Amino acid sequence: MSVEEQIREQLVTGLAPAHLEVVNESHMHSVPPNSETHFRVVLVSDDFTGKRQVARHQQVYGLLAMQMQGPVHALALHTYSPSEWQAREQPAPASPDCRGGSKAESRGVQS
């Protein structure tokens, strides 16, 4: 099972989302091809009603603890209650462009 599938399964089981997007954004970063290290998650759940963003993110990180210790390097979270999601007039924000470089670039090595 891919890391993306593991993330999806953990979130569906733990939060019964009304809406869920799990996007592997690893290709946007300085990682080998076919990596599963950077993800964007848009998650709408009744469990988030009345909770602050920090508590929501802690809940997600708790569900994904195993993935966060291993293959996942970065997780962009966009968490909403159903009413917040319904009130939005636009989709969740896009992830920013990667600002990091390869390890070779940081050491001043030219290709």
C-alpha atoms as a PDB file:
ATOM      1  CA  MET A   1       0.000   0.000   0.000  1.00  0.00           C
ATOM      2  CA  SER A   2       1.383   3.408  -0.939  1.00  0.00           C
ATOM      3  CA  VAL A   3       1.999   6.109   1.667  1.00  0.00           C
ATOM      4  CA  GLU A   4      -0.785   8.159   0.055  1.00  0.00           C
ATOM      5  CA  GLU A   5      -3.196   5.240   0.507  1.00  0.00           C
ATOM      6  CA  GLN A   6      -2.075   4.777   4.118  1.00  0.00           C
ATOM      7  CA  ILE A   7      -2.722   8.447   4.862  1.00  0.00           C
ATOM      8  CA  ARG A   8      -6.137   8.293   3.234  1.00  0.00           C
ATOM      9  CA  GLU A   9      -7.102   5.125   5.136  1.00  0.00           C
ATOM     10  CA  GLN A  10      -5.968   6.508   8.508  1.00  0.00           C
ATOM     11  CA  LEU A  11      -7.899   9.747   8.022  1.00  0.00           C
ATOM     12  CA  VAL A  12     -11.075   8.050   6.792  1.00  0.00           C
ATOM     13  CA  THR A  13     -11.021   5.613   9.705  1.00  0.00           C
ATOM     14  CA  GLY A  14     -10.148   8.223  12.334  1.00  0.00           C
ATOM     15  CA  LEU A  15     -12.203  11.222  11.233  1.00  0.00           C
ATOM     16  CA  ALA A  16     -14.964  10.051   8.862  1.00  0.00           C
ATOM     17  CA  PRO A  17     -14.431  13.093   6.631  1.00  0.00           C
ATOM     18  CA  ALA A  18     -17.190  14.748   4.637  1.00  0.00           C
ATOM     19  CA  HIS A  19     -14.479  15.775   2.158  1.00  0.00           C
ATOM     20  CA  LEU A  20     -10.910  14.528   1.809  1.00  0.00           C
ATOM     21  CA  GLU A  21      -8.119  15.319  -0.626  1.00  0.00           C
ATOM     22  CA  VAL A  22      -4.717  13.677  -0.235  1.00  0.00           C
ATOM     23  CA  VAL A  23      -2.252  14.907  -2.834  1.00  0.00           C
ATOM     24  CA  ASN A  24       1.317  13.696  -3.186  1.00  0.00           C
ATOM     25  CA  GLU A  25       3.291  16.866  -3.909  1.00  0.00           C
ATOM     26  CA  SER A  26       6.714  15.248  -3.690  1.00  0.00           C
ATOM     27  CA  HIS A  27       7.364  15.932  -7.375  1.00  0.00           C
ATOM     28  CA  MET A  28       7.420  19.656  -6.526  1.00  0.00           C
ATOM     29  CA  HIS A  29      10.465  19.200  -4.294  1.00  0.00           C
ATOM     30  CA  SER A  30      14.096  18.129  -4.556  1.00  0.00           C
ATOM     31  CA  VAL A  31      13.497  14.424  -4.003  1.00  0.00           C
ATOM     32  CA  PRO A  32      14.033  11.335  -6.153  1.00  0.00           C
ATOM     33  CA  PRO A  33      11.337  10.470  -8.734  1.00  0.00           C
ATOM     34  CA  ASN A  34       8.299   8.583  -7.369  1.00  0.00           C
ATOM     35  CA  SER A  35       8.957   9.740  -3.802  1.00  0.00           C
ATOM     36  CA  GLU A  36       6.182   9.893  -1.233  1.00  0.00           C
ATOM     37  CA  THR A  37       7.548  12.479   1.166  1.00  0.00           C
ATOM     38  CA  HIS A  38       5.482  15.666   0.750  1.00  0.00           C
ATOM     39  CA  PHE A  39       1.684  15.693   0.966  1.00  0.00           C
ATOM     40  CA  ARG A  40      -1.158  18.188   0.928  1.00  0.00           C
ATOM     41  CA  VAL A  41      -4.303  17.236   2.825  1.00  0.00           C
ATOM     42  CA  VAL A  42      -7.640  19.031   2.661  1.00  0.00           C
ATOM     43  CA  LEU A  43      -9.907  17.564   5.307  1.00  0.00           C
ATOM     44  CA  VAL A  44     -13.463  18.419   6.326  1.00  0.00           C
ATOM     45  CA  SER A  45     -14.808  16.663   9.406  1.00  0.00           C
ATOM     46  CA  ASP A  46     -17.505  17.115  12.043  1.00  0.00           C
ATOM     47  CA  ASP A  47     -14.757  16.317  14.562  1.00  0.00           C
ATOM     48  CA  PHE A  48     -13.245  19.747  13.849  1.00  0.00           C
ATOM     49  CA  THR A  49     -16.337  21.734  14.841  1.00  0.00           C
ATOM     50  CA  GLY A  50     -15.456  24.064  17.704  1.00  0.00           C
ATOM     51  CA  LYS A  51     -11.746  23.177  17.612  1.00  0.00           C
ATOM     52  CA  ARG A  52      -8.895  25.547  16.843  1.00  0.00           C
ATOM     53  CA  GLN A  53      -6.495  24.805  13.993  1.00  0.00           C
ATOM     54  CA  VAL A  54      -3.770  23.672  16.410  1.00  0.00           C
ATOM     55  CA  ALA A  55      -6.056  21.035  17.966  1.00  0.00           C
ATOM     56  CA  ARG A  56      -7.167  19.883  14.519  1.00  0.00           C
ATOM     57  CA  HIS A  57      -3.598  19.526  13.318  1.00  0.00           C
ATOM     58  CA  GLN A  58      -2.610  17.681  16.494  1.00  0.00           C
ATOM     59  CA  GLN A  59      -5.467  15.259  15.881  1.00  0.00           C
ATOM     60  CA  VAL A  60      -4.309  14.609  12.304  1.00  0.00           C
ATOM     61  CA  TYR A  61      -0.667  14.241  13.363  1.00  0.00           C
ATOM     62  CA  GLY A  62      -1.770  11.749  16.013  1.00  0.00           C
ATOM     63  CA  LEU A  63      -3.525   9.638  13.388  1.00  0.00           C
ATOM     64  CA  LEU A  64      -0.535   9.818  11.043  1.00  0.00           C
ATOM     65  CA  ALA A  65       2.201   9.347  13.668  1.00  0.00           C
ATOM     66  CA  MET A  66       3.661   6.285  11.967  1.00  0.00           C
ATOM     67  CA  GLN A  67       3.890   7.983   8.561  1.00  0.00           C
ATOM     68  CA  MET A  68       5.369  11.139  10.110  1.00  0.00           C
ATOM     69  CA  GLN A  69       8.151   9.100  11.738  1.00  0.00           C
ATOM     70  CA  GLY A  70       9.035   7.433   8.479  1.00  0.00           C
ATOM     71  CA  PRO A  71       8.513   8.425   4.906  1.00  0.00           C
ATOM     72  CA  VAL A  72       6.580  11.699   5.281  1.00  0.00           C
ATOM     73  CA  HIS A  73       8.810  14.757   5.484  1.00  0.00           C
ATOM     74  CA  ALA A  74       6.187  17.487   5.039  1.00  0.00           C
ATOM     75  CA  LEU A  75       2.427  17.646   5.457  1.00  0.00           C
ATOM     76  CA  ALA A  76       0.430  20.719   4.405  1.00  0.00           C
ATOM     77  CA  LEU A  77      -2.851  20.599   6.324  1.00  0.00           C
ATOM     78  CA  HIS A  78      -6.025  22.481   5.474  1.00  0.00           C
ATOM     79  CA  THR A  79      -8.656  21.466   8.033  1.00  0.00           C
ATOM     80  CA  TYR A  80     -12.256  22.660   8.151  1.00  0.00           C
ATOM     81  CA  SER A  81     -15.523  21.973   9.911  1.00  0.00           C
ATOM     82  CA  PRO A  82     -18.414  21.292   7.495  1.00  0.00           C
ATOM     83  CA  SER A  83     -19.849  24.784   8.019  1.00  0.00           C
ATOM     84  CA  GLU A  84     -16.458  26.431   7.396  1.00  0.00           C
ATOM     85  CA  TRP A  85     -15.996  24.400   4.229  1.00  0.00           C
ATOM     86  CA  GLN A  86     -19.484  25.249   2.983  1.00  0.00           C
ATOM     87  CA  ALA A  87     -18.911  28.959   3.643  1.00  0.00           C
ATOM     88  CA  ARG A  88     -15.689  29.031   1.601  1.00  0.00           C
ATOM     89  CA  GLU A  89     -15.998  30.737  -1.735  1.00  0.00           C
ATOM     90  CA  GLN A  90     -12.803  29.208  -3.077  1.00  0.00           C
ATOM     91  CA  PRO A  91     -10.903  25.947  -2.807  1.00  0.00           C
ATOM     92  CA  ALA A  92      -8.284  25.353  -0.133  1.00  0.00           C
ATOM     93  CA  PRO A  93      -5.063  27.300  -0.713  1.00  0.00           C
ATOM     94  CA  ALA A  94      -2.455  25.763  -2.976  1.00  0.00           C
ATOM     95  CA  SER A  95       0.882  24.763  -1.535  1.00  0.00           C
ATOM     96  CA  PRO A  96       3.698  27.255  -2.051  1.00  0.00           C
ATOM     97  CA  ASP A  97       6.540  26.540  -4.430  1.00  0.00           C
ATOM     98  CA  CYS A  98       9.441  24.632  -2.939  1.00  0.00           C
ATOM     99  CA  ARG A  99      12.091  27.078  -1.723  1.00  0.00           C
ATOM    100  CA  GLY A 100      14.678  24.466  -0.848  1.00  0.00           C
ATOM    101  CA  GLY A 101      17.358  23.171  -3.122  1.00  0.00           C
ATOM    102  CA  SER A 102      19.126  19.907  -3.448  1.00  0.00           C
ATOM    103  CA  LYS A 103      21.831  18.998  -0.968  1.00  0.00           C
ATOM    104  CA  ALA A 104      24.404  19.511  -3.729  1.00  0.00           C
ATOM    105  CA  GLU A 105      23.196  23.080  -4.308  1.00  0.00           C
ATOM    106  CA  SER A 106      23.418  23.893  -0.591  1.00  0.00           C
ATOM    107  CA  ARG A 107      27.083  22.804  -0.595  1.00  0.00           C
ATOM    108  CA  GLY A 108      27.840  24.884  -3.684  1.00  0.00           C
ATOM    109  CA  VAL A 109      28.349  21.852  -5.937  1.00  0.00           C
ATOM    110  CA  GLN A 110      27.568  22.437  -9.614  1.00  0.00           C
ATOM    111  CA  SER A 111      25.978  19.761 -11.797  1.00  0.00           C
END
